């Protein structure tokens, strides 16, 4: 973990967003994913929960009036965004800007539902404290009433095998989140809401599906506690409907959550809303036609709780979705034949398939596409100079300068800029390992001496360079490291991304000898030439990655890997729900385009602990989407 500082003197703007292309962050995430995946494969922690799976009954809280509840997901990244969301969601009378409807404040929910990914880049007691808990505690009103909190984990919460998640939301631990009432006894839950509404929170761990014990618990609930015509909200840890129809389920063996959905529909229970975070934006899709279901239902992704922005123009996000309930005739046993699948498909939908059309995006796809341009130079994002004067320094002016230098150095070694530096070193090492053949001893093998490189045309030099791999296995390995780094970055969209990833890697392989050839024109000294190689490799390597990120993102690909370098803290928000006394579900997406970049201690000496350094930078909260699901 980084050298984090905790407490009231570490304001949100000092809690920098995660640098996802810092090699240390990438390595840590990979190791934690492998480690936790291995534990789940051998002993799934979800199957260690004991005791009865009891329904959390909240239905009596507002039996004859409106019931309000809030949803937030994907927080715990940059402090500016995470704190802004925490403060807004805990404000009792959050003022909405002009142009919103309704213009009066919407009551804060009695129930707070968290959709996971509460700490980045991984879960640990320190990460939770630094990026999530302190943001909510600092914005918590003094003497605030105790709220009910329900939560499910996502993949990053599983990086410590949900140990930190359990401590804050499950069981009899002493330090629960916000000292709230947290009645769930497992990492998944079933809550009965007023007016015959249900909220089922599911846990996929890192395997993309329910475990056996979880499926059995929900199946028993469907058979014994739920009734036909009940309305259900399924809270997923990820929007599986953005993947191809079937979600890679093997033939003859549908996924367990697909069997659960079909069991609900078979009993006449209405799945009205599939809700998830994981993708850091807001997208809503509404059923338009198809399937013999006589009610409206929606697919909603709302992961805008504080993590970096994901694009809404990505192909898998903006594509229309379908629902398919056709039986799998190839299954061996009867219990596997029926399943409900929702996802994208390349061919036109049939009359039997329920169709979903996109109804709302936040940010809209044009703004989303515009931000892709910034990728070209994002790996060279300048140091946060504004932070050099944001906190009171101690001592004389010389001590203050050294304190600021230390703060900036700490940020620099934690930022994405480390990747271009690594590429510059790899460029230099590749040249170092491959250039020894350019000496008089190898002239008979078709090479030229280093002093005569500039007499060779660039295409001929390329031919010599790649031929040198026969004499320098280590040089070949270094080139392959660069190549596979580029390919692996592109694999987010599956094996079809190998071609653009390979092209990107190939450009780097040609860039290495080209820079060496060009520098040889102007600098004969080997040592100075090495320094120029590192410097030019930093610039060329960073720009090539940035251009690749932009091209892939502009084409609607690599929604995560090509947008995470931006660490965009804007377009954040949350959902506020109301179940009215007639049983209708109202949804309000409240969002702000930007969040403050600097904070100061509240001069009133009360909570919230921090306020904007300038009122001009205050978030502008508006209703970005409104919808109703009628009972």
Foldseek 3Di string as FASTA:
>chain_A
DAPDDDDLQCALLLQAFFFCQQVVQVVLLVVLLVVLVVCCVVPNVQVVQDDAADAAEPAPVCQQFKAKEWEAEAWLGRSQQQLQLLLQLQDQFRQFDPPFPPRGGDGRGLEYEYLANQFPPADDVVRCRHRHQVSNVLNHAPPDDAGEYEYAYAARCCSVPVPVVCLAAADDHDHHRVPHHRPGHGNWHWYQHHPLEIETEAYPHSPNAHDPVVLVNLLVCLVPPHAAPREYEYEYADQCQLAAWQSPADQQAGGSVQLSVQSCVVRNYHHAEYEYEPAQWWWKKKWDAAAPDDFIHIYIYHNQNFFFHFACQFPSNQAKKKKDFQFRPPHDDPSRGTGIIMYHDDDDDDRHITIIHIDATFPDNVVRLVVLLVLLCLLVPDFPPVVLPQGDFDDDPVSSVVVSVVSSVSVVSSHSLNNLLVQLVLLLVLCVQQVPCQPPVNVVVPHHHLLCLLVDDLVSQLVVRVVSCVVGVVSVVSLVVQLVVQQVLQCPVHPVSNVLSNVLSVVSSSVSVVLLSVLSVPDVDPVVSSVSSSVVSSVVVSSSSSVSLSVQVSVSGPRPSSRNSNRHRFRGWIWMWMQGNQRKIKIWTKGFGAGASGWDADPVPGPSGIDHPDPVRHTNIHGRDMDMGHD
